[in-house]
Every structure is written in structure tokens, then in C-alpha cells.
């Protein structure tokens, strides 16, 4: 089954959150509270904008480069 563009973005977000969970509990908590619907545990797609993706990927980059921030 071929993945849709939305599926690929959701998978990428999930992977990014996993990196943050492993590297920085503070950043993981921030992003989880910002992006995940507490009632369903799913990422809220209406919150995903280019700006949000840029910020999230910046945080993932910094966590990979400097663990423990």
C-alpha cells in the first residue's frame, strides 16, 4: 500500500518526536503538549504548518548535535 503525503508527514513527525523523547525530555514534553491531542494520542494535523515543522526540525537537529540540551 502506497503512503500518502499526509502519512509521510505523520511518520516524520512521529520519528522527530521519538528523537526528542530519547534526547531531551523537556523538548519532548513541549512538542508533545503542542502537537498531540491528549484525548486520542494522535498528532493534530491542523497544527502542522511550515513554521512548526521548521521549529521542530531545528530542535531535533540541536538534540542530535548536542544531546542533553
N, C-alpha and C. Protein backbone atom coordinates (compact mmCIF):
# COMPACT_ATOMS: atom_id res chain seq x y z
N UNK A 1 0.84 -1.18 0.00
CA UNK A 1 0.00 0.00 0.00
C UNK A 1 0.89 1.25 0.00
N UNK A 2 0.62 2.14 -0.90
CA UNK A 2 1.42 3.34 -1.03
C UNK A 2 1.01 4.37 0.02
N UNK A 3 2.04 5.02 0.59
CA UNK A 3 1.76 6.04 1.60
C UNK A 3 1.38 7.35 0.93
N UNK A 4 0.44 8.05 1.54
CA UNK A 4 0.08 9.38 1.06
C UNK A 4 1.06 10.39 1.63
N UNK A 5 1.01 11.59 1.10
CA UNK A 5 1.86 12.67 1.59
C UNK A 5 1.59 12.91 3.08
N UNK A 6 0.33 12.91 3.48
CA UNK A 6 -0.03 13.10 4.89
C UNK A 6 0.52 12.00 5.77
N UNK A 7 0.49 10.76 5.26
CA UNK A 7 1.05 9.64 6.01
C UNK A 7 2.55 9.83 6.23
N UNK A 8 3.23 10.29 5.19
CA UNK A 8 4.68 10.50 5.29
C UNK A 8 5.01 11.61 6.29
N UNK A 9 4.23 12.67 6.29
CA UNK A 9 4.45 13.75 7.25
C UNK A 9 4.20 13.25 8.67
N UNK A 10 3.13 12.50 8.86
CA UNK A 10 2.83 11.96 10.19
C UNK A 10 3.95 11.04 10.67
N UNK A 11 4.48 10.22 9.77
CA UNK A 11 5.58 9.33 10.13
C UNK A 11 6.82 10.13 10.49
N UNK A 12 7.11 11.16 9.72
CA UNK A 12 8.26 12.02 10.02
C UNK A 12 8.11 12.73 11.36
N UNK A 13 6.92 13.21 11.65
CA UNK A 13 6.67 13.86 12.94
C UNK A 13 6.83 12.87 14.08
N UNK A 14 6.34 11.68 13.89
CA UNK A 14 6.47 10.64 14.91
C UNK A 14 7.94 10.33 15.17
N UNK A 15 8.72 10.22 14.11
CA UNK A 15 10.16 9.96 14.27
C UNK A 15 10.86 11.13 14.95
N UNK A 16 10.49 12.35 14.58
CA UNK A 16 11.08 13.52 15.22
C UNK A 16 10.77 13.54 16.72
N UNK A 17 9.54 13.25 17.08
CA UNK A 17 9.17 13.21 18.50
C UNK A 17 9.90 12.09 19.23
N UNK A 18 10.15 10.98 18.55
CA UNK A 18 10.90 9.88 19.16
C UNK A 18 12.33 10.31 19.47
N UNK A 19 12.96 11.02 18.55
CA UNK A 19 14.31 11.53 18.79
C UNK A 19 14.31 12.45 20.00
N UNK A 20 13.34 13.35 20.05
CA UNK A 20 13.28 14.27 21.19
C UNK A 20 13.04 13.52 22.49
N UNK A 21 12.20 12.50 22.45
CA UNK A 21 11.93 11.72 23.66
C UNK A 21 13.20 11.06 24.17
N UNK A 22 14.04 10.59 23.26
CA UNK A 22 15.29 9.92 23.63
C UNK A 22 16.36 10.91 24.09
N UNK A 23 16.36 12.11 23.55
CA UNK A 23 17.46 13.05 23.78
C UNK A 23 17.15 14.17 24.78
N UNK A 24 15.91 14.60 24.87
CA UNK A 24 15.59 15.76 25.71
C UNK A 24 14.14 15.69 26.18
N UNK A 25 13.96 15.33 27.43
CA UNK A 25 12.59 15.21 27.95
C UNK A 25 11.88 16.56 27.97
N UNK A 26 12.62 17.63 28.17
CA UNK A 26 12.00 18.96 28.20
C UNK A 26 11.43 19.31 26.83
N UNK A 27 12.22 19.13 25.79
CA UNK A 27 11.74 19.44 24.44
C UNK A 27 10.65 18.47 24.01
N UNK A 28 10.78 17.20 24.38
CA UNK A 28 9.74 16.24 24.03
C UNK A 28 8.41 16.66 24.66
N UNK A 29 8.44 17.03 25.93
CA UNK A 29 7.21 17.45 26.61
C UNK A 29 6.61 18.68 25.94
N UNK A 30 7.45 19.65 25.59
CA UNK A 30 6.97 20.85 24.92
C UNK A 30 6.25 20.49 23.61
N UNK A 31 6.90 19.69 22.76
CA UNK A 31 6.32 19.36 21.46
C UNK A 31 5.13 18.43 21.60
N UNK A 32 5.19 17.49 22.52
CA UNK A 32 4.05 16.58 22.72
C UNK A 32 2.82 17.37 23.15
N UNK A 33 3.00 18.29 24.08
CA UNK A 33 1.87 19.11 24.52
C UNK A 33 1.35 20.01 23.41
N UNK A 34 2.23 20.41 22.52
CA UNK A 34 1.84 21.31 21.44
C UNK A 34 1.15 20.58 20.28
N UNK A 35 1.56 19.34 20.01
CA UNK A 35 1.10 18.67 18.79
C UNK A 35 0.17 17.49 18.99
N UNK A 36 0.16 16.89 20.16
CA UNK A 36 -0.60 15.66 20.36
C UNK A 36 -1.90 15.94 21.08
N UNK A 37 -2.98 15.40 20.54
CA UNK A 37 -4.30 15.50 21.17
C UNK A 37 -4.34 14.54 22.35
N UNK A 38 -4.49 15.06 23.58
CA UNK A 38 -4.46 14.18 24.74
C UNK A 38 -5.61 13.16 24.77
N UNK A 39 -6.71 13.48 24.14
CA UNK A 39 -7.86 12.57 24.15
C UNK A 39 -7.63 11.35 23.25
N UNK A 40 -6.93 11.56 22.14
CA UNK A 40 -6.75 10.46 21.18
C UNK A 40 -5.32 9.95 21.11
N UNK A 41 -4.37 10.76 21.55
CA UNK A 41 -2.96 10.38 21.43
C UNK A 41 -2.41 10.56 20.03
N UNK A 42 -3.20 11.16 19.15
CA UNK A 42 -2.79 11.36 17.76
C UNK A 42 -2.27 12.78 17.55
N UNK A 43 -1.40 12.92 16.57
CA UNK A 43 -0.92 14.24 16.20
C UNK A 43 -2.07 15.01 15.57
N UNK A 44 -2.23 16.27 15.98
CA UNK A 44 -3.31 17.12 15.45
C UNK A 44 -2.84 17.77 14.14
N UNK A 45 -3.31 17.28 12.99
CA UNK A 45 -2.80 17.77 11.71
C UNK A 45 -3.07 19.25 11.46
N UNK A 46 -4.11 19.80 12.06
CA UNK A 46 -4.41 21.21 11.83
C UNK A 46 -3.34 22.14 12.40
N UNK A 47 -2.49 21.62 13.27
CA UNK A 47 -1.44 22.43 13.88
C UNK A 47 -0.13 22.38 13.10
N UNK A 48 -0.07 21.54 12.10
CA UNK A 48 1.17 21.36 11.36
C UNK A 48 1.26 22.39 10.24
N UNK A 49 2.17 23.34 10.44
CA UNK A 49 2.43 24.37 9.44
C UNK A 49 3.91 24.32 9.08
N UNK A 50 4.29 25.02 8.06
CA UNK A 50 5.69 25.06 7.67
C UNK A 50 6.55 25.61 8.80
N UNK A 51 6.07 26.62 9.48
CA UNK A 51 6.80 27.21 10.60
C UNK A 51 6.98 26.21 11.74
N UNK A 52 5.92 25.47 12.05
CA UNK A 52 6.00 24.46 13.12
C UNK A 52 7.01 23.38 12.74
N UNK A 53 6.96 22.93 11.49
CA UNK A 53 7.91 21.91 11.04
C UNK A 53 9.34 22.42 11.12
N UNK A 54 9.58 23.65 10.71
CA UNK A 54 10.92 24.24 10.80
C UNK A 54 11.41 24.25 12.24
N UNK A 55 10.57 24.71 13.15
CA UNK A 55 10.95 24.78 14.56
C UNK A 55 11.22 23.39 15.14
N UNK A 56 10.36 22.44 14.83
CA UNK A 56 10.53 21.08 15.33
C UNK A 56 11.83 20.47 14.81
N UNK A 57 12.08 20.62 13.52
CA UNK A 57 13.30 20.04 12.95
C UNK A 57 14.55 20.74 13.47
N UNK A 58 14.48 22.03 13.75
CA UNK A 58 15.60 22.71 14.40
C UNK A 58 15.90 22.09 15.75
N UNK A 59 14.86 21.84 16.54
CA UNK A 59 15.06 21.24 17.86
C UNK A 59 15.63 19.83 17.74
N UNK A 60 15.15 19.05 16.78
CA UNK A 60 15.70 17.70 16.57
C UNK A 60 17.17 17.80 16.19
N UNK A 61 17.52 18.71 15.30
CA UNK A 61 18.91 18.89 14.88
C UNK A 61 19.79 19.21 16.09
N UNK A 62 19.36 20.16 16.92
CA UNK A 62 20.16 20.53 18.08
C UNK A 62 20.29 19.40 19.09
N UNK A 63 19.24 18.61 19.25
CA UNK A 63 19.31 17.46 20.16
C UNK A 63 20.27 16.40 19.64
N UNK A 64 20.31 16.23 18.34
CA UNK A 64 21.24 15.26 17.75
C UNK A 64 22.68 15.77 17.88
N UNK A 65 22.86 17.05 17.68
CA UNK A 65 24.21 17.63 17.72
C UNK A 65 24.72 17.80 19.15
N UNK A 66 23.83 18.22 20.05
CA UNK A 66 24.21 18.46 21.44
C UNK A 66 23.22 17.76 22.37
N UNK A 67 23.38 16.46 22.57
CA UNK A 67 22.45 15.71 23.44
C UNK A 67 22.39 16.31 24.84
N UNK A 68 21.23 16.23 25.43
CA UNK A 68 21.06 16.69 26.80
C UNK A 68 20.67 18.14 26.95
N UNK A 69 20.41 18.83 25.82
CA UNK A 69 20.01 20.24 25.96
C UNK A 69 18.58 20.34 26.40
